[in-house]
Amino acid sequence: MSCPRRVQQKCLSRLKVRAQEGNPDPKPDDKGQKEGQPREEGQTTAIITGAVSIIIGVLYLGLVQFMNVRGGELLPPPPEAYDHAFD
């Protein structure tokens, strides 16, 4: 547990009191996890999934930009292409 220097004595005294009470480690608060605690499996999965999602999105936008830069105009097929479609 890291404490700022100005409150180090208070921090040490609180830890001593907790140790005497049989609770040496403080419980994590609702703000997040304490330093040194491993992430839960769900958190790691969420981070990896989010990163993969962002990478796929950026690649998709890059592909669309590349296709637009090529300048190829999309035209409908010629009428002759429909002659054999409805036979």
N, C-alpha and C. Protein backbone atom coordinates (compact mmCIF):
# COMPACT_ATOMS: atom_id res chain seq x y z
N MET A 1 0.85 -1.17 0.00
CA MET A 1 0.00 0.00 0.00
C MET A 1 0.89 1.23 0.00
N SER A 2 0.68 2.14 -0.92
CA SER A 2 1.51 3.33 -0.98
C SER A 2 0.76 4.50 -0.37
N CYS A 3 1.46 5.30 0.40
CA CYS A 3 0.87 6.46 1.04
C CYS A 3 1.73 7.68 0.73
N PRO A 4 1.11 8.86 0.56
CA PRO A 4 1.91 10.07 0.41
C PRO A 4 2.74 10.31 1.66
N ARG A 5 3.86 10.95 1.51
CA ARG A 5 4.78 11.14 2.64
C ARG A 5 4.15 11.93 3.79
N ARG A 6 3.31 12.90 3.48
CA ARG A 6 2.75 13.74 4.55
C ARG A 6 1.77 12.98 5.44
N VAL A 7 1.21 11.89 4.92
CA VAL A 7 0.26 11.13 5.74
C VAL A 7 0.79 9.73 6.04
N GLN A 8 2.06 9.53 5.86
CA GLN A 8 2.62 8.20 6.05
C GLN A 8 2.47 7.72 7.49
N GLN A 9 2.65 8.60 8.45
CA GLN A 9 2.52 8.19 9.85
C GLN A 9 1.08 7.79 10.17
N LYS A 10 0.10 8.55 9.65
CA LYS A 10 -1.30 8.20 9.87
C LYS A 10 -1.61 6.86 9.22
N CYS A 11 -1.06 6.66 8.05
CA CYS A 11 -1.31 5.42 7.31
C CYS A 11 -0.74 4.23 8.07
N LEU A 12 0.48 4.39 8.57
CA LEU A 12 1.11 3.30 9.32
C LEU A 12 0.34 3.00 10.60
N SER A 13 -0.13 4.05 11.26
CA SER A 13 -0.87 3.80 12.50
C SER A 13 -2.20 3.10 12.20
N ARG A 14 -2.86 3.45 11.11
CA ARG A 14 -4.10 2.77 10.74
C ARG A 14 -3.84 1.30 10.41
N LEU A 15 -2.74 1.03 9.73
CA LEU A 15 -2.41 -0.35 9.41
C LEU A 15 -2.13 -1.15 10.68
N LYS A 16 -1.47 -0.53 11.65
CA LYS A 16 -1.19 -1.21 12.91
C LYS A 16 -2.48 -1.54 13.64
N VAL A 17 -3.43 -0.59 13.64
CA VAL A 17 -4.72 -0.82 14.30
C VAL A 17 -5.45 -1.95 13.60
N ARG A 18 -5.45 -1.94 12.29
CA ARG A 18 -6.13 -3.00 11.54
C ARG A 18 -5.49 -4.36 11.80
N ALA A 19 -4.16 -4.37 11.90
CA ALA A 19 -3.46 -5.62 12.16
C ALA A 19 -3.82 -6.15 13.55
N GLN A 20 -3.97 -5.27 14.51
CA GLN A 20 -4.33 -5.69 15.85
C GLN A 20 -5.77 -6.20 15.89
N GLU A 21 -6.63 -5.64 15.03
CA GLU A 21 -8.02 -6.07 14.99
C GLU A 21 -8.20 -7.35 14.18
N GLY A 22 -7.15 -7.80 13.52
CA GLY A 22 -7.23 -9.01 12.73
C GLY A 22 -7.60 -8.76 11.28
N ASN A 23 -7.54 -7.52 10.83
CA ASN A 23 -7.87 -7.17 9.45
C ASN A 23 -6.69 -6.38 8.87
N PRO A 24 -5.59 -7.05 8.47
CA PRO A 24 -4.40 -6.33 8.03
C PRO A 24 -4.56 -5.60 6.70
N ASP A 25 -5.39 -6.11 5.81
CA ASP A 25 -5.54 -5.48 4.49
C ASP A 25 -6.89 -4.81 4.40
N PRO A 26 -6.91 -3.53 3.99
CA PRO A 26 -8.21 -2.87 3.84
C PRO A 26 -8.96 -3.45 2.65
N LYS A 27 -10.29 -3.45 2.76
CA LYS A 27 -11.11 -3.95 1.66
C LYS A 27 -11.10 -2.93 0.52
N PRO A 28 -11.17 -3.41 -0.71
CA PRO A 28 -11.21 -2.45 -1.82
C PRO A 28 -12.50 -1.63 -1.78
N ASP A 29 -12.37 -0.36 -2.12
CA ASP A 29 -13.55 0.49 -2.13
C ASP A 29 -14.26 0.42 -3.47
N ASP A 30 -15.36 1.15 -3.59
CA ASP A 30 -16.17 1.10 -4.80
C ASP A 30 -15.55 1.87 -5.96
N LYS A 31 -14.52 2.64 -5.71
CA LYS A 31 -13.92 3.47 -6.76
C LYS A 31 -13.09 2.66 -7.73
N GLY A 32 -12.65 1.51 -7.37
CA GLY A 32 -11.82 0.70 -8.25
C GLY A 32 -11.04 -0.31 -7.45
N GLN A 33 -10.09 -0.92 -8.10
CA GLN A 33 -9.33 -1.94 -7.42
C GLN A 33 -8.07 -1.35 -6.81
N LYS A 34 -7.60 -1.98 -5.77
CA LYS A 34 -6.40 -1.53 -5.10
C LYS A 34 -5.17 -1.93 -5.92
N GLU A 35 -4.09 -1.24 -5.66
CA GLU A 35 -2.85 -1.50 -6.37
C GLU A 35 -2.35 -2.90 -6.03
N GLY A 36 -1.94 -3.64 -7.03
CA GLY A 36 -1.39 -4.97 -6.82
C GLY A 36 -2.41 -6.09 -6.90
N GLN A 37 -3.69 -5.77 -6.98
CA GLN A 37 -4.69 -6.82 -7.08
C GLN A 37 -4.87 -7.21 -8.55
N PRO A 38 -4.98 -8.49 -8.84
CA PRO A 38 -5.17 -8.90 -10.24
C PRO A 38 -6.57 -8.55 -10.71
N ARG A 39 -6.68 -8.34 -12.00
CA ARG A 39 -8.00 -8.07 -12.59
C ARG A 39 -8.81 -9.34 -12.60
N GLU A 40 -10.10 -9.16 -12.53
CA GLU A 40 -10.98 -10.32 -12.64
C GLU A 40 -11.02 -10.74 -14.10
N GLU A 41 -11.40 -11.98 -14.33
CA GLU A 41 -11.41 -12.52 -15.69
C GLU A 41 -12.35 -11.73 -16.60
N GLY A 42 -13.46 -11.30 -16.11
CA GLY A 42 -14.42 -10.54 -16.90
C GLY A 42 -13.87 -9.20 -17.35
N GLN A 43 -13.08 -8.56 -16.50
CA GLN A 43 -12.50 -7.27 -16.86
C GLN A 43 -11.48 -7.43 -17.97
N THR A 44 -10.65 -8.45 -17.88
CA THR A 44 -9.65 -8.68 -18.92
C THR A 44 -10.32 -9.00 -20.24
N THR A 45 -11.35 -9.82 -20.20
CA THR A 45 -12.08 -10.16 -21.42
C THR A 45 -12.71 -8.92 -22.03
N ALA A 46 -13.27 -8.05 -21.22
CA ALA A 46 -13.90 -6.83 -21.71
C ALA A 46 -12.87 -5.90 -22.36
N ILE A 47 -11.71 -5.79 -21.77
CA ILE A 47 -10.66 -4.93 -22.32
C ILE A 47 -10.18 -5.47 -23.66
N ILE A 48 -9.95 -6.76 -23.74
CA ILE A 48 -9.48 -7.37 -24.99
C ILE A 48 -10.55 -7.24 -26.07
N THR A 49 -11.80 -7.50 -25.71
CA THR A 49 -12.89 -7.40 -26.68
C THR A 49 -13.03 -5.97 -27.19
N GLY A 50 -12.93 -5.01 -26.31
CA GLY A 50 -13.01 -3.60 -26.71
C GLY A 50 -11.88 -3.21 -27.64
N ALA A 51 -10.66 -3.66 -27.34
CA ALA A 51 -9.51 -3.34 -28.20
C ALA A 51 -9.69 -3.96 -29.58
N VAL A 52 -10.14 -5.21 -29.64
CA VAL A 52 -10.35 -5.87 -30.93
C VAL A 52 -11.44 -5.13 -31.71
N SER A 53 -12.48 -4.71 -31.04
CA SER A 53 -13.57 -3.99 -31.69
C SER A 53 -13.07 -2.68 -32.30
N ILE A 54 -12.26 -1.95 -31.56
CA ILE A 54 -11.72 -0.69 -32.06
C ILE A 54 -10.81 -0.94 -33.26
N ILE A 55 -9.98 -1.97 -33.20
CA ILE A 55 -9.09 -2.29 -34.32
C ILE A 55 -9.89 -2.64 -35.57
N ILE A 56 -10.94 -3.45 -35.41
CA ILE A 56 -11.77 -3.82 -36.57
C ILE A 56 -12.45 -2.57 -37.14
N GLY A 57 -12.94 -1.68 -36.29
CA GLY A 57 -13.57 -0.45 -36.77
C GLY A 57 -12.62 0.43 -37.54
N VAL A 58 -11.40 0.59 -37.04
CA VAL A 58 -10.40 1.42 -37.73
C VAL A 58 -10.02 0.78 -39.06
N LEU A 59 -9.85 -0.53 -39.09
CA LEU A 59 -9.53 -1.20 -40.35
C LEU A 59 -10.66 -1.04 -41.37
N TYR A 60 -11.90 -1.14 -40.92
CA TYR A 60 -13.04 -0.97 -41.81
C TYR A 60 -13.06 0.44 -42.40
N LEU A 61 -12.87 1.45 -41.55
CA LEU A 61 -12.85 2.82 -42.05
C LEU A 61 -11.71 3.03 -43.04
N GLY A 62 -10.56 2.43 -42.77
CA GLY A 62 -9.44 2.52 -43.71
C GLY A 62 -9.76 1.87 -45.04
N LEU A 63 -10.42 0.72 -45.01
CA LEU A 63 -10.80 0.04 -46.25
C LEU A 63 -11.79 0.87 -47.05
N VAL A 64 -12.76 1.47 -46.38
CA VAL A 64 -13.73 2.32 -47.07
C VAL A 64 -13.04 3.53 -47.69
N GLN A 65 -12.13 4.15 -46.98
CA GLN A 65 -11.39 5.28 -47.53
C GLN A 65 -10.59 4.86 -48.76
N PHE A 66 -9.95 3.71 -48.68
CA PHE A 66 -9.16 3.21 -49.80
C PHE A 66 -10.04 2.97 -51.02
N MET A 67 -11.20 2.38 -50.80
CA MET A 67 -12.11 2.12 -51.92
C MET A 67 -12.62 3.43 -52.53
N ASN A 68 -12.86 4.44 -51.72
CA ASN A 68 -13.32 5.73 -52.24
C ASN A 68 -12.23 6.46 -53.00
N VAL A 69 -10.99 6.33 -52.57
CA VAL A 69 -9.89 7.03 -53.21
C VAL A 69 -9.61 6.47 -54.60
N ARG A 70 -9.91 5.20 -54.81
CA ARG A 70 -9.64 4.59 -56.12
C ARG A 70 -10.43 5.25 -57.22
N GLY A 71 -11.53 5.88 -56.90
CA GLY A 71 -12.27 6.65 -57.89
C GLY A 71 -13.19 5.85 -58.77
N GLY A 72 -13.33 4.59 -58.55
CA GLY A 72 -14.21 3.79 -59.38
C GLY A 72 -15.66 4.15 -59.12
N GLU A 73 -16.38 4.50 -60.17
CA GLU A 73 -17.78 4.85 -60.02
C GLU A 73 -18.63 3.60 -60.13
N LEU A 74 -19.56 3.44 -59.23
CA LEU A 74 -20.44 2.28 -59.26
C LEU A 74 -21.57 2.53 -60.24
N LEU A 75 -21.69 1.66 -61.23
CA LEU A 75 -22.74 1.77 -62.24
C LEU A 75 -23.59 0.52 -62.21
N PRO A 76 -24.86 0.65 -62.54
CA PRO A 76 -25.70 -0.55 -62.60
C PRO A 76 -25.29 -1.41 -63.78
N PRO A 77 -25.62 -2.68 -63.77
CA PRO A 77 -25.27 -3.54 -64.89
C PRO A 77 -26.03 -3.12 -66.14
N PRO A 78 -25.48 -3.43 -67.31
CA PRO A 78 -26.17 -3.06 -68.55
C PRO A 78 -27.47 -3.85 -68.69
N PRO A 79 -28.41 -3.35 -69.49
CA PRO A 79 -29.70 -4.04 -69.65
C PRO A 79 -29.56 -5.46 -70.19
N GLU A 80 -28.52 -5.73 -70.95
CA GLU A 80 -28.32 -7.08 -71.49
C GLU A 80 -28.12 -8.11 -70.38
N ALA A 81 -27.65 -7.67 -69.23
CA ALA A 81 -27.41 -8.60 -68.14
C ALA A 81 -28.72 -9.13 -67.57
N TYR A 82 -29.80 -8.42 -67.78
CA TYR A 82 -31.09 -8.85 -67.25
C TYR A 82 -31.85 -9.80 -68.18
N ASP A 83 -31.37 -9.94 -69.43
CA ASP A 83 -32.06 -10.78 -70.40
C ASP A 83 -32.17 -12.24 -69.93
N HIS A 84 -31.12 -12.77 -69.34
CA HIS A 84 -31.09 -14.18 -68.95
C HIS A 84 -31.56 -14.41 -67.51
N ALA A 85 -31.75 -13.35 -66.79
CA ALA A 85 -32.12 -13.49 -65.38
C ALA A 85 -33.56 -13.93 -65.20
N PHE A 86 -34.42 -13.57 -66.11
CA PHE A 86 -35.86 -13.87 -65.91
C PHE A 86 -36.37 -14.93 -66.88
N ASP A 87 -35.53 -15.76 -67.42
CA ASP A 87 -35.96 -16.84 -68.34
C ASP A 87 -36.54 -18.00 -67.63
